[in-house]
Amino acid sequence: EYPDNGDFSFDSLMVPTEDLKPDQPRLLAVDNEVVVPVNK
């Protein structure tokens, strides 16, 4: 949840091995990443 940036929320689930993109690590990549600004 992002209470300070519009109070929206989302789920983040692991990407199955067969759906991985070339730059995504196995067992670590997710469908929805948490996004934050640098140096904050």
PDB file of all heavy atoms in Angstrom:
ATOM      1  N   GLU A   1       0.849  -1.190   0.000  1.00  0.00           N
ATOM      2  CA  GLU A   1       0.000   0.000   0.000  1.00  0.00           C
ATOM      3  C   GLU A   1       0.888   1.244   0.000  1.00  0.00           C
ATOM      4  O   GLU A   1       1.962   1.249   0.603  1.00  0.00           O
ATOM      5  CB  GLU A   1      -0.914   0.015   1.228  1.00  0.00           C
ATOM      6  CG  GLU A   1      -1.848  -1.182   1.337  1.00  0.00           C
ATOM      7  CD  GLU A   1      -2.622  -1.191   2.640  1.00  0.00           C
ATOM      8  OE1 GLU A   1      -2.973  -0.086   3.115  1.00  0.00           O
ATOM      9  OE2 GLU A   1      -2.862  -2.282   3.183  1.00  0.00           O
ATOM     10  N   TYR A   2       0.405   2.293  -0.678  1.00  0.00           N
ATOM     11  CA  TYR A   2       1.123   3.572  -0.751  1.00  0.00           C
ATOM     12  C   TYR A   2       0.235   4.658  -0.139  1.00  0.00           C
ATOM     13  O   TYR A   2      -0.404   5.428  -0.863  1.00  0.00           O
ATOM     14  CB  TYR A   2       1.447   3.916  -2.197  1.00  0.00           C
ATOM     15  CG  TYR A   2       2.643   3.203  -2.778  1.00  0.00           C
ATOM     16  CD1 TYR A   2       2.607   1.837  -3.041  1.00  0.00           C
ATOM     17  CD2 TYR A   2       3.824   3.887  -3.072  1.00  0.00           C
ATOM     18  CE1 TYR A   2       3.694   1.172  -3.574  1.00  0.00           C
ATOM     19  CE2 TYR A   2       4.923   3.231  -3.613  1.00  0.00           C
ATOM     20  CZ  TYR A   2       4.848   1.874  -3.857  1.00  0.00           C
ATOM     21  OH  TYR A   2       5.939   1.224  -4.385  1.00  0.00           O
ATOM     22  N   PRO A   3       0.160   4.751   1.184  1.00  0.00           N
ATOM     23  CA  PRO A   3      -0.751   5.728   1.807  1.00  0.00           C
ATOM     24  C   PRO A   3      -0.405   7.180   1.526  1.00  0.00           C
ATOM     25  O   PRO A   3      -1.283   8.045   1.597  1.00  0.00           O
ATOM     26  CB  PRO A   3      -0.617   5.409   3.308  1.00  0.00           C
ATOM     27  CG  PRO A   3       0.708   4.736   3.438  1.00  0.00           C
ATOM     28  CD  PRO A   3       0.901   3.969   2.175  1.00  0.00           C
ATOM     29  N   ASP A   4       0.851   7.482   1.204  1.00  0.00           N
ATOM     30  CA  ASP A   4       1.271   8.867   0.973  1.00  0.00           C
ATOM     31  C   ASP A   4       1.192   9.278  -0.495  1.00  0.00           C
ATOM     32  O   ASP A   4       1.435  10.441  -0.822  1.00  0.00           O
ATOM     33  CB  ASP A   4       2.706   9.085   1.451  1.00  0.00           C
ATOM     34  CG  ASP A   4       2.852   8.863   2.949  1.00  0.00           C
ATOM     35  OD1 ASP A   4       1.830   8.954   3.658  1.00  0.00           O
ATOM     36  OD2 ASP A   4       3.981   8.594   3.401  1.00  0.00           O
ATOM     37  N   ASN A   5       0.861   8.343  -1.363  1.00  0.00           N
ATOM     38  CA  ASN A   5       0.910   8.639  -2.798  1.00  0.00           C
ATOM     39  C   ASN A   5      -0.373   8.261  -3.518  1.00  0.00           C
ATOM     40  O   ASN A   5      -0.350   7.787  -4.654  1.00  0.00           O
ATOM     41  CB  ASN A   5       2.090   7.902  -3.446  1.00  0.00           C
ATOM     42  CG  ASN A   5       3.415   8.261  -2.819  1.00  0.00           C
ATOM     43  OD1 ASN A   5       3.880   7.570  -1.924  1.00  0.00           O
ATOM     44  ND2 ASN A   5       4.029   9.355  -3.263  1.00  0.00           N
ATOM     45  N   GLY A   6      -1.499   8.429  -2.866  1.00  0.00           N
ATOM     46  CA  GLY A   6      -2.770   8.116  -3.497  1.00  0.00           C
ATOM     47  C   GLY A   6      -3.515   6.981  -2.844  1.00  0.00           C
ATOM     48  O   GLY A   6      -4.632   6.641  -3.245  1.00  0.00           O
ATOM     49  N   ASP A   7      -2.900   6.364  -1.838  1.00  0.00           N
ATOM     50  CA  ASP A   7      -3.550   5.310  -1.061  1.00  0.00           C
ATOM     51  C   ASP A   7      -4.046   4.154  -1.930  1.00  0.00           C
ATOM     52  O   ASP A   7      -5.136   3.643  -1.742  1.00  0.00           O
ATOM     53  CB  ASP A   7      -4.713   5.887  -0.252  1.00  0.00           C
ATOM     54  CG  ASP A   7      -5.054   5.007   0.947  1.00  0.00           C
ATOM     55  OD1 ASP A   7      -4.195   4.190   1.346  1.00  0.00           O
ATOM     56  OD2 ASP A   7      -6.176   5.109   1.461  1.00  0.00           O
ATOM     57  N   PHE A   8      -3.247   3.732  -2.898  1.00  0.00           N
ATOM     58  CA  PHE A   8      -3.598   2.563  -3.698  1.00  0.00           C
ATOM     59  C   PHE A   8      -2.820   1.354  -3.177  1.00  0.00           C
ATOM     60  O   PHE A   8      -1.869   1.490  -2.396  1.00  0.00           O
ATOM     61  CB  PHE A   8      -3.286   2.797  -5.177  1.00  0.00           C
ATOM     62  CG  PHE A   8      -1.843   3.128  -5.454  1.00  0.00           C
ATOM     63  CD1 PHE A   8      -0.899   2.135  -5.671  1.00  0.00           C
ATOM     64  CD2 PHE A   8      -1.422   4.465  -5.501  1.00  0.00           C
ATOM     65  CE1 PHE A   8       0.421   2.444  -5.929  1.00  0.00           C
ATOM     66  CE2 PHE A   8      -0.100   4.773  -5.764  1.00  0.00           C
ATOM     67  CZ  PHE A   8       0.834   3.764  -5.975  1.00  0.00           C
ATOM     68  N   SER A   9      -3.218   0.172  -3.591  1.00  0.00           N
ATOM     69  CA  SER A   9      -2.551  -1.048  -3.145  1.00  0.00           C
ATOM     70  C   SER A   9      -2.524  -2.058  -4.275  1.00  0.00           C
ATOM     71  O   SER A   9      -3.303  -1.972  -5.235  1.00  0.00           O
ATOM     72  CB  SER A   9      -3.275  -1.642  -1.927  1.00  0.00           C
ATOM     73  OG  SER A   9      -4.592  -2.023  -2.265  1.00  0.00           O
ATOM     74  N   PHE A  10      -1.621  -3.026  -4.165  1.00  0.00           N
ATOM     75  CA  PHE A  10      -1.547  -4.091  -5.171  1.00  0.00           C
ATOM     76  C   PHE A  10      -0.876  -5.313  -4.555  1.00  0.00           C
ATOM     77  O   PHE A  10      -0.204  -5.232  -3.516  1.00  0.00           O
ATOM     78  CB  PHE A  10      -0.769  -3.621  -6.409  1.00  0.00           C
ATOM     79  CG  PHE A  10       0.631  -3.149  -6.129  1.00  0.00           C
ATOM     80  CD1 PHE A  10       1.707  -4.023  -6.092  1.00  0.00           C
ATOM     81  CD2 PHE A  10       0.880  -1.792  -5.894  1.00  0.00           C
ATOM     82  CE1 PHE A  10       2.994  -3.579  -5.835  1.00  0.00           C
ATOM     83  CE2 PHE A  10       2.179  -1.339  -5.638  1.00  0.00           C
ATOM     84  CZ  PHE A  10       3.232  -2.231  -5.610  1.00  0.00           C
ATOM     85  N   ASP A  11      -1.082  -6.444  -5.194  1.00  0.00           N
ATOM     86  CA  ASP A  11      -0.451  -7.698  -4.791  1.00  0.00           C
ATOM     87  C   ASP A  11       0.787  -7.932  -5.641  1.00  0.00           C
ATOM     88  O   ASP A  11       0.861  -7.500  -6.793  1.00  0.00           O
ATOM     89  CB  ASP A  11      -1.409  -8.879  -4.954  1.00  0.00           C
ATOM     90  CG  ASP A  11      -2.681  -8.692  -4.144  1.00  0.00           C
ATOM     91  OD1 ASP A  11      -2.584  -8.198  -3.011  1.00  0.00           O
ATOM     92  OD2 ASP A  11      -3.765  -9.037  -4.656  1.00  0.00           O
ATOM     93  N   SER A  12       1.751  -8.624  -5.067  1.00  0.00           N
ATOM     94  CA  SER A  12       3.000  -8.907  -5.760  1.00  0.00           C
ATOM     95  C   SER A  12       3.287 -10.395  -5.635  1.00  0.00           C
ATOM     96  O   SER A  12       3.555 -10.892  -4.538  1.00  0.00           O
ATOM     97  CB  SER A  12       4.140  -8.082  -5.149  1.00  0.00           C
ATOM     98  OG  SER A  12       5.361  -8.326  -5.802  1.00  0.00           O
ATOM     99  N   LEU A  13       3.228 -11.102  -6.777  1.00  0.00           N
ATOM    100  CA  LEU A  13       3.391 -12.549  -6.790  1.00  0.00           C
ATOM    101  C   LEU A  13       4.586 -12.950  -7.634  1.00  0.00           C
ATOM    102  O   LEU A  13       4.946 -12.264  -8.595  1.00  0.00           O
ATOM    103  CB  LEU A  13       2.129 -13.231  -7.337  1.00  0.00           C
ATOM    104  CG  LEU A  13       0.870 -13.021  -6.487  1.00  0.00           C
ATOM    105  CD1 LEU A  13      -0.014 -11.959  -7.094  1.00  0.00           C
ATOM    106  CD2 LEU A  13       0.120 -14.330  -6.337  1.00  0.00           C
ATOM    107  N   MET A  14       5.171 -14.058  -7.292  1.00  0.00           N
ATOM    108  CA  MET A  14       6.335 -14.549  -8.023  1.00  0.00           C
ATOM    109  C   MET A  14       5.961 -14.916  -9.458  1.00  0.00           C
ATOM    110  O   MET A  14       4.904 -15.482  -9.714  1.00  0.00           O
ATOM    111  CB  MET A  14       6.911 -15.776  -7.322  1.00  0.00           C
ATOM    112  CG  MET A  14       8.226 -16.261  -7.890  1.00  0.00           C
ATOM    113  SD  MET A  14       8.735 -17.847  -7.193  1.00  0.00           S
ATOM    114  CE  MET A  14       7.660 -18.952  -8.102  1.00  0.00           C
ATOM    115  N   VAL A  15       6.847 -14.587 -10.389  1.00  0.00           N
ATOM    116  CA  VAL A  15       6.651 -14.957 -11.785  1.00  0.00           C
ATOM    117  C   VAL A  15       7.064 -16.422 -11.958  1.00  0.00           C
ATOM    118  O   VAL A  15       8.208 -16.785 -11.620  1.00  0.00           O
ATOM    119  CB  VAL A  15       7.483 -14.058 -12.717  1.00  0.00           C
ATOM    120  CG1 VAL A  15       7.341 -14.516 -14.162  1.00  0.00           C
ATOM    121  CG2 VAL A  15       7.063 -12.599 -12.562  1.00  0.00           C
ATOM    122  N   PRO A  16       6.191 -17.282 -12.471  1.00  0.00           N
ATOM    123  CA  PRO A  16       6.561 -18.686 -12.684  1.00  0.00           C
ATOM    124  C   PRO A  16       7.744 -18.809 -13.631  1.00  0.00           C
ATOM    125  O   PRO A  16       7.968 -17.938 -14.492  1.00  0.00           O
ATOM    126  CB  PRO A  16       5.294 -19.298 -13.287  1.00  0.00           C
ATOM    127  CG  PRO A  16       4.183 -18.384 -12.877  1.00  0.00           C
ATOM    128  CD  PRO A  16       4.785 -17.019 -12.817  1.00  0.00           C
ATOM    129  N   THR A  17       8.494 -19.881 -13.487  1.00  0.00           N
ATOM    130  CA  THR A  17       9.712 -20.076 -14.272  1.00  0.00           C
ATOM    131  C   THR A  17       9.444 -20.003 -15.764  1.00  0.00           C
ATOM    132  O   THR A  17      10.208 -19.400 -16.533  1.00  0.00           O
ATOM    133  CB  THR A  17      10.355 -21.423 -13.919  1.00  0.00           C
ATOM    134  OG1 THR A  17      10.653 -21.448 -12.509  1.00  0.00           O
ATOM    135  CG2 THR A  17      11.642 -21.639 -14.699  1.00  0.00           C
ATOM    136  N   GLU A  18       8.339 -20.614 -16.211  1.00  0.00           N
ATOM    137  CA  GLU A  18       8.062 -20.651 -17.649  1.00  0.00           C
ATOM    138  C   GLU A  18       7.692 -19.278 -18.215  1.00  0.00           C
ATOM    139  O   GLU A  18       7.721 -19.074 -19.440  1.00  0.00           O
ATOM    140  CB  GLU A  18       6.940 -21.643 -17.955  1.00  0.00           C
ATOM    141  CG  GLU A  18       5.611 -21.340 -17.272  1.00  0.00           C
ATOM    142  CD  GLU A  18       5.488 -21.943 -15.887  1.00  0.00           C
ATOM    143  OE1 GLU A  18       6.532 -22.350 -15.324  1.00  0.00           O
ATOM    144  OE2 GLU A  18       4.359 -22.008 -15.374  1.00  0.00           O
ATOM    145  N   ASP A  19       7.348 -18.313 -17.355  1.00  0.00           N
ATOM    146  CA  ASP A  19       6.962 -16.976 -17.821  1.00  0.00           C
ATOM    147  C   ASP A  19       8.061 -15.935 -17.645  1.00  0.00           C
ATOM    148  O   ASP A  19       7.851 -14.747 -17.911  1.00  0.00           O
ATOM    149  CB  ASP A  19       5.708 -16.500 -17.066  1.00  0.00           C
ATOM    150  CG  ASP A  19       4.497 -17.383 -17.357  1.00  0.00           C
ATOM    151  OD1 ASP A  19       4.467 -18.005 -18.437  1.00  0.00           O
ATOM    152  OD2 ASP A  19       3.594 -17.446 -16.497  1.00  0.00           O
ATOM    153  N   LEU A  20       9.234 -16.359 -17.202  1.00  0.00           N
ATOM    154  CA  LEU A  20      10.308 -15.402 -16.946  1.00  0.00           C
ATOM    155  C   LEU A  20      10.806 -14.760 -18.234  1.00  0.00           C
ATOM    156  O   LEU A  20      10.937 -15.414 -19.268  1.00  0.00           O
ATOM    157  CB  LEU A  20      11.477 -16.104 -16.248  1.00  0.00           C
ATOM    158  CG  LEU A  20      11.295 -16.491 -14.784  1.00  0.00           C
ATOM    159  CD1 LEU A  20      12.494 -17.304 -14.311  1.00  0.00           C
ATOM    160  CD2 LEU A  20      11.120 -15.253 -13.910  1.00  0.00           C
ATOM    161  N   LYS A  21      11.124 -13.467 -18.142  1.00  0.00           N
ATOM    162  CA  LYS A  21      11.787 -12.770 -19.236  1.00  0.00           C
ATOM    163  C   LYS A  21      13.299 -12.963 -19.096  1.00  0.00           C
ATOM    164  O   LYS A  21      13.781 -13.347 -18.024  1.00  0.00           O
ATOM    165  CB  LYS A  21      11.413 -11.286 -19.196  1.00  0.00           C
ATOM    166  CG  LYS A  21       9.925 -11.036 -19.399  1.00  0.00           C
ATOM    167  CD  LYS A  21       9.602  -9.554 -19.292  1.00  0.00           C
ATOM    168  CE  LYS A  21       8.101  -9.309 -19.469  1.00  0.00           C
ATOM    169  NZ  LYS A  21       7.743  -7.877 -19.320  1.00  0.00           N
ATOM    170  N   PRO A  22      14.065 -12.696 -20.138  1.00  0.00           N
ATOM    171  CA  PRO A  22      15.514 -12.943 -20.087  1.00  0.00           C
ATOM    172  C   PRO A  22      16.239 -12.245 -18.940  1.00  0.00           C
ATOM    173  O   PRO A  22      17.221 -12.761 -18.419  1.00  0.00           O
ATOM    174  CB  PRO A  22      16.007 -12.436 -21.448  1.00  0.00           C
ATOM    175  CG  PRO A  22      14.821 -12.576 -22.344  1.00  0.00           C
ATOM    176  CD  PRO A  22      13.618 -12.284 -21.496  1.00  0.00           C
ATOM    177  N   ASP A  23      15.768 -11.056 -18.540  1.00  0.00           N
ATOM    178  CA  ASP A  23      16.470 -10.312 -17.496  1.00  0.00           C
ATOM    179  C   ASP A  23      15.888 -10.540 -16.103  1.00  0.00           C
ATOM    180  O   ASP A  23      16.289  -9.857 -15.146  1.00  0.00           O
ATOM    181  CB  ASP A  23      16.450  -8.820 -17.811  1.00  0.00           C
ATOM    182  CG  ASP A  23      15.027  -8.269 -17.881  1.00  0.00           C
ATOM    183  OD1 ASP A  23      14.086  -9.077 -18.085  1.00  0.00           O
ATOM    184  OD2 ASP A  23      14.853  -7.043 -17.736  1.00  0.00           O
ATOM    185  N   GLN A  24      14.959 -11.485 -15.958  1.00  0.00           N
ATOM    186  CA  GLN A  24      14.328 -11.730 -14.667  1.00  0.00           C
ATOM    187  C   GLN A  24      14.944 -12.954 -13.988  1.00  0.00           C
ATOM    188  O   GLN A  24      15.044 -14.017 -14.601  1.00  0.00           O
ATOM    189  CB  GLN A  24      12.823 -11.933 -14.828  1.00  0.00           C
ATOM    190  CG  GLN A  24      12.066 -10.674 -15.218  1.00  0.00           C
ATOM    191  CD  GLN A  24      10.564 -10.906 -15.317  1.00  0.00           C
ATOM    192  OE1 GLN A  24      10.109 -11.910 -15.852  1.00  0.00           O
ATOM    193  NE2 GLN A  24       9.794  -9.966 -14.793  1.00  0.00           N
ATOM    194  N   PRO A  25      15.355 -12.829 -12.723  1.00  0.00           N
ATOM    195  CA  PRO A  25      15.937 -13.967 -12.014  1.00  0.00           C
ATOM    196  C   PRO A  25      14.875 -14.945 -11.529  1.00  0.00           C
ATOM    197  O   PRO A  25      13.794 -14.541 -11.081  1.00  0.00           O
ATOM    198  CB  PRO A  25      16.668 -13.319 -10.830  1.00  0.00           C
ATOM    199  CG  PRO A  25      15.901 -12.060 -10.584  1.00  0.00           C
ATOM    200  CD  PRO A  25      15.414 -11.588 -11.924  1.00  0.00           C
ATOM    201  N   ARG A  26      15.165 -16.214 -11.623  1.00  0.00           N
ATOM    202  CA  ARG A  26      14.250 -17.269 -11.187  1.00  0.00           C
ATOM    203  C   ARG A  26      14.038 -17.205  -9.670  1.00  0.00           C
ATOM    204  O   ARG A  26      14.967 -16.954  -8.903  1.00  0.00           O
ATOM    205  CB  ARG A  26      14.815 -18.628 -11.580  1.00  0.00           C
ATOM    206  CG  ARG A  26      13.994 -19.825 -11.145  1.00  0.00           C
ATOM    207  CD  ARG A  26      14.587 -21.118 -11.657  1.00  0.00           C
ATOM    208  NE  ARG A  26      13.882 -22.267 -11.121  1.00  0.00           N
ATOM    209  CZ  ARG A  26      14.199 -22.875  -9.983  1.00  0.00           C
ATOM    210  NH1 ARG A  26      15.248 -22.448  -9.288  1.00  0.00           N
ATOM    211  NH2 ARG A  26      13.510 -23.911  -9.546  1.00  0.00           N
ATOM    212  N   LEU A  27      12.788 -17.377  -9.256  1.00  0.00           N
ATOM    213  CA  LEU A  27      12.357 -17.391  -7.860  1.00  0.00           C
ATOM    214  C   LEU A  27      12.456 -16.031  -7.167  1.00  0.00           C
ATOM    215  O   LEU A  27      12.166 -15.925  -5.978  1.00  0.00           O
ATOM    216  CB  LEU A  27      13.149 -18.416  -7.036  1.00  0.00           C
ATOM    217  CG  LEU A  27      13.022 -19.884  -7.454  1.00  0.00           C
ATOM    218  CD1 LEU A  27      13.845 -20.768  -6.528  1.00  0.00           C
ATOM    219  CD2 LEU A  27      11.572 -20.334  -7.462  1.00  0.00           C
ATOM    220  N   LEU A  28      12.838 -14.987  -7.911  1.00  0.00           N
ATOM    221  CA  LEU A  28      12.944 -13.655  -7.326  1.00  0.00           C
ATOM    222  C   LEU A  28      12.086 -12.621  -8.043  1.00  0.00           C
ATOM    223  O   LEU A  28      11.644 -11.646  -7.415  1.00  0.00           O
ATOM    224  CB  LEU A  28      14.409 -13.185  -7.332  1.00  0.00           C
ATOM    225  CG  LEU A  28      15.374 -13.924  -6.408  1.00  0.00           C
ATOM    226  CD1 LEU A  28      16.800 -13.420  -6.611  1.00  0.00           C
ATOM    227  CD2 LEU A  28      14.966 -13.777  -4.945  1.00  0.00           C
ATOM    228  N   ALA A  29      11.857 -12.803  -9.335  1.00  0.00           N
ATOM    229  CA  ALA A  29      11.073 -11.826 -10.106  1.00  0.00           C
ATOM    230  C   ALA A  29       9.606 -11.890  -9.700  1.00  0.00           C
ATOM    231  O   ALA A  29       9.067 -12.953  -9.370  1.00  0.00           O
ATOM    232  CB  ALA A  29      11.222 -12.098 -11.595  1.00  0.00           C
ATOM    233  N   VAL A  30       8.945 -10.740  -9.733  1.00  0.00           N
ATOM    234  CA  VAL A  30       7.524 -10.656  -9.378  1.00  0.00           C
ATOM    235  C   VAL A  30       6.762  -9.925 -10.481  1.00  0.00           C
ATOM    236  O   VAL A  30       7.351  -9.231 -11.311  1.00  0.00           O
ATOM    237  CB  VAL A  30       7.330  -9.922  -8.029  1.00  0.00           C
ATOM    238  CG1 VAL A  30       8.028 -10.671  -6.907  1.00  0.00           C
ATOM    239  CG2 VAL A  30       7.845  -8.494  -8.112  1.00  0.00           C
ATOM    240  N   ASP A  31       5.427 -10.088 -10.458  1.00  0.00           N
ATOM    241  CA  ASP A  31       4.625  -9.434 -11.491  1.00  0.00           C
ATOM    242  C   ASP A  31       4.489  -7.938 -11.251  1.00  0.00           C
ATOM    243  O   ASP A  31       4.471  -7.135 -12.182  1.00  0.00           O
ATOM    244  CB  ASP A  31       3.245 -10.102 -11.599  1.00  0.00           C
ATOM    245  CG  ASP A  31       2.479 -10.088 -10.285  1.00  0.00           C
ATOM    246  OD1 ASP A  31       3.067  -9.724  -9.243  1.00  0.00           O
ATOM    247  OD2 ASP A  31       1.296 -10.466 -10.288  1.00  0.00           O
ATOM    248  N   ASN A  32       4.396  -7.518  -9.980  1.00  0.00           N
ATOM    249  CA  ASN A  32       4.275  -6.098  -9.642  1.00  0.00           C
ATOM    250  C   ASN A  32       5.352  -5.726  -8.627  1.00  0.00           C
ATOM    251  O   ASN A  32       5.305  -6.162  -7.476  1.00  0.00           O
ATOM    252  CB  ASN A  32       2.887  -5.794  -9.061  1.00  0.00           C
ATOM    253  CG  ASN A  32       1.791  -5.951 -10.090  1.00  0.00           C
ATOM    254  OD1 ASN A  32       1.884  -5.429 -11.197  1.00  0.00           O
ATOM    255  ND2 ASN A  32       0.740  -6.689  -9.732  1.00  0.00           N
ATOM    256  N   GLU A  33       6.310  -4.935  -9.079  1.00  0.00           N
ATOM    257  CA  GLU A  33       7.411  -4.545  -8.203  1.00  0.00           C
ATOM    258  C   GLU A  33       7.040  -3.327  -7.361  1.00  0.00           C
ATOM    259  O   GLU A  33       6.241  -2.484  -7.778  1.00  0.00           O
ATOM    260  CB  GLU A  33       8.652  -4.210  -9.030  1.00  0.00           C
ATOM    261  CG  GLU A  33       9.155  -5.370  -9.885  1.00  0.00           C
ATOM    262  CD  GLU A  33      10.179  -4.927 -10.914  1.00  0.00           C
ATOM    263  OE1 GLU A  33      10.210  -3.716 -11.242  1.00  0.00           O
ATOM    264  OE2 GLU A  33      10.945  -5.787 -11.379  1.00  0.00           O
ATOM    265  N   VAL A  34       7.631  -3.233  -6.187  1.00  0.00           N
ATOM    266  CA  VAL A  34       7.553  -2.008  -5.404  1.00  0.00           C
ATOM    267  C   VAL A  34       8.463  -0.986  -6.081  1.00  0.00           C
ATOM    268  O   VAL A  34       9.594  -1.302  -6.444  1.00  0.00           O
ATOM    269  CB  VAL A  34       8.027  -2.246  -3.953  1.00  0.00           C
ATOM    270  CG1 VAL A  34       8.020  -0.945  -3.166  1.00  0.00           C
ATOM    271  CG2 VAL A  34       7.136  -3.279  -3.281  1.00  0.00           C
ATOM    272  N   VAL A  35       7.967   0.218  -6.270  1.00  0.00           N
ATOM    273  CA  VAL A  35       8.738   1.267  -6.931  1.00  0.00           C
ATOM    274  C   VAL A  35       8.930   2.426  -5.955  1.00  0.00           C
ATOM    275  O   VAL A  35       7.959   2.891  -5.337  1.00  0.00           O
ATOM    276  CB  VAL A  35       8.044   1.761  -8.218  1.00  0.00           C
ATOM    277  CG1 VAL A  35       8.862   2.854  -8.883  1.00  0.00           C
ATOM    278  CG2 VAL A  35       7.840   0.597  -9.184  1.00  0.00           C
ATOM    279  N   VAL A  36      10.174   2.865  -5.800  1.00  0.00           N
ATOM    280  CA  VAL A  36      10.489   3.973  -4.892  1.00  0.00           C
ATOM    281  C   VAL A  36      11.478   4.907  -5.575  1.00  0.00           C
ATOM    282  O   VAL A  36      12.225   4.482  -6.466  1.00  0.00           O
ATOM    283  CB  VAL A  36      11.072   3.472  -3.552  1.00  0.00           C
ATOM    284  CG1 VAL A  36      10.073   2.590  -2.816  1.00  0.00           C
ATOM    285  CG2 VAL A  36      12.376   2.729  -3.783  1.00  0.00           C
ATOM    286  N   PRO A  37      11.524   6.168  -5.171  1.00  0.00           N
ATOM    287  CA  PRO A  37      12.496   7.106  -5.765  1.00  0.00           C
ATOM    288  C   PRO A  37      13.875   6.964  -5.115  1.00  0.00           C
ATOM    289  O   PRO A  37      13.994   6.612  -3.944  1.00  0.00           O
ATOM    290  CB  PRO A  37      11.878   8.475  -5.457  1.00  0.00           C
ATOM    291  CG  PRO A  37      11.065   8.251  -4.234  1.00  0.00           C
ATOM    292  CD  PRO A  37      10.559   6.844  -4.293  1.00  0.00           C
ATOM    293  N   VAL A  38      14.901   7.260  -5.879  1.00  0.00           N
ATOM    294  CA  VAL A  38      16.268   7.157  -5.396  1.00  0.00           C
ATOM    295  C   VAL A  38      16.564   8.280  -4.398  1.00  0.00           C
ATOM    296  O   VAL A  38      16.006   9.387  -4.499  1.00  0.00           O
ATOM    297  CB  VAL A  38      17.252   7.191  -6.592  1.00  0.00           C
ATOM    298  CG1 VAL A  38      17.268   8.576  -7.235  1.00  0.00           C
ATOM    299  CG2 VAL A  38      18.653   6.781  -6.162  1.00  0.00           C
ATOM    300  N   ASN A  39      17.405   7.994  -3.417  1.00  0.00           N
ATOM    301  CA  ASN A  39      17.874   8.957  -2.415  1.00  0.00           C
ATOM    302  C   ASN A  39      16.774   9.521  -1.530  1.00  0.00           C
ATOM    303  O   ASN A  39      16.966  10.562  -0.884  1.00  0.00           O
ATOM    304  CB  ASN A  39      18.629  10.117  -3.078  1.00  0.00           C
ATOM    305  CG  ASN A  39      19.952   9.672  -3.671  1.00  0.00           C
ATOM    306  OD1 ASN A  39      20.636   8.842  -3.100  1.00  0.00           O
ATOM    307  ND2 ASN A  39      20.303  10.229  -4.827  1.00  0.00           N
ATOM    308  N   LYS A  40      15.633   8.859  -1.461  1.00  0.00           N
ATOM    309  CA  LYS A  40      14.561   9.273  -0.561  1.00  0.00           C
ATOM    310  C   LYS A  40      14.463   8.288   0.604  1.00  0.00           C
ATOM    311  O   LYS A  40      14.662   7.086   0.424  1.00  0.00           O
ATOM    312  CB  LYS A  40      13.220   9.341  -1.299  1.00  0.00           C
ATOM    313  CG  LYS A  40      13.166  10.401  -2.389  1.00  0.00           C
ATOM    314  CD  LYS A  40      13.298  11.813  -1.819  1.00  0.00           C
ATOM    315  CE  LYS A  40      13.159  12.869  -2.908  1.00  0.00           C
ATOM    316  NZ  LYS A  40      13.290  14.240  -2.370  1.00  0.00           N
TER     317      LYS A  40
END
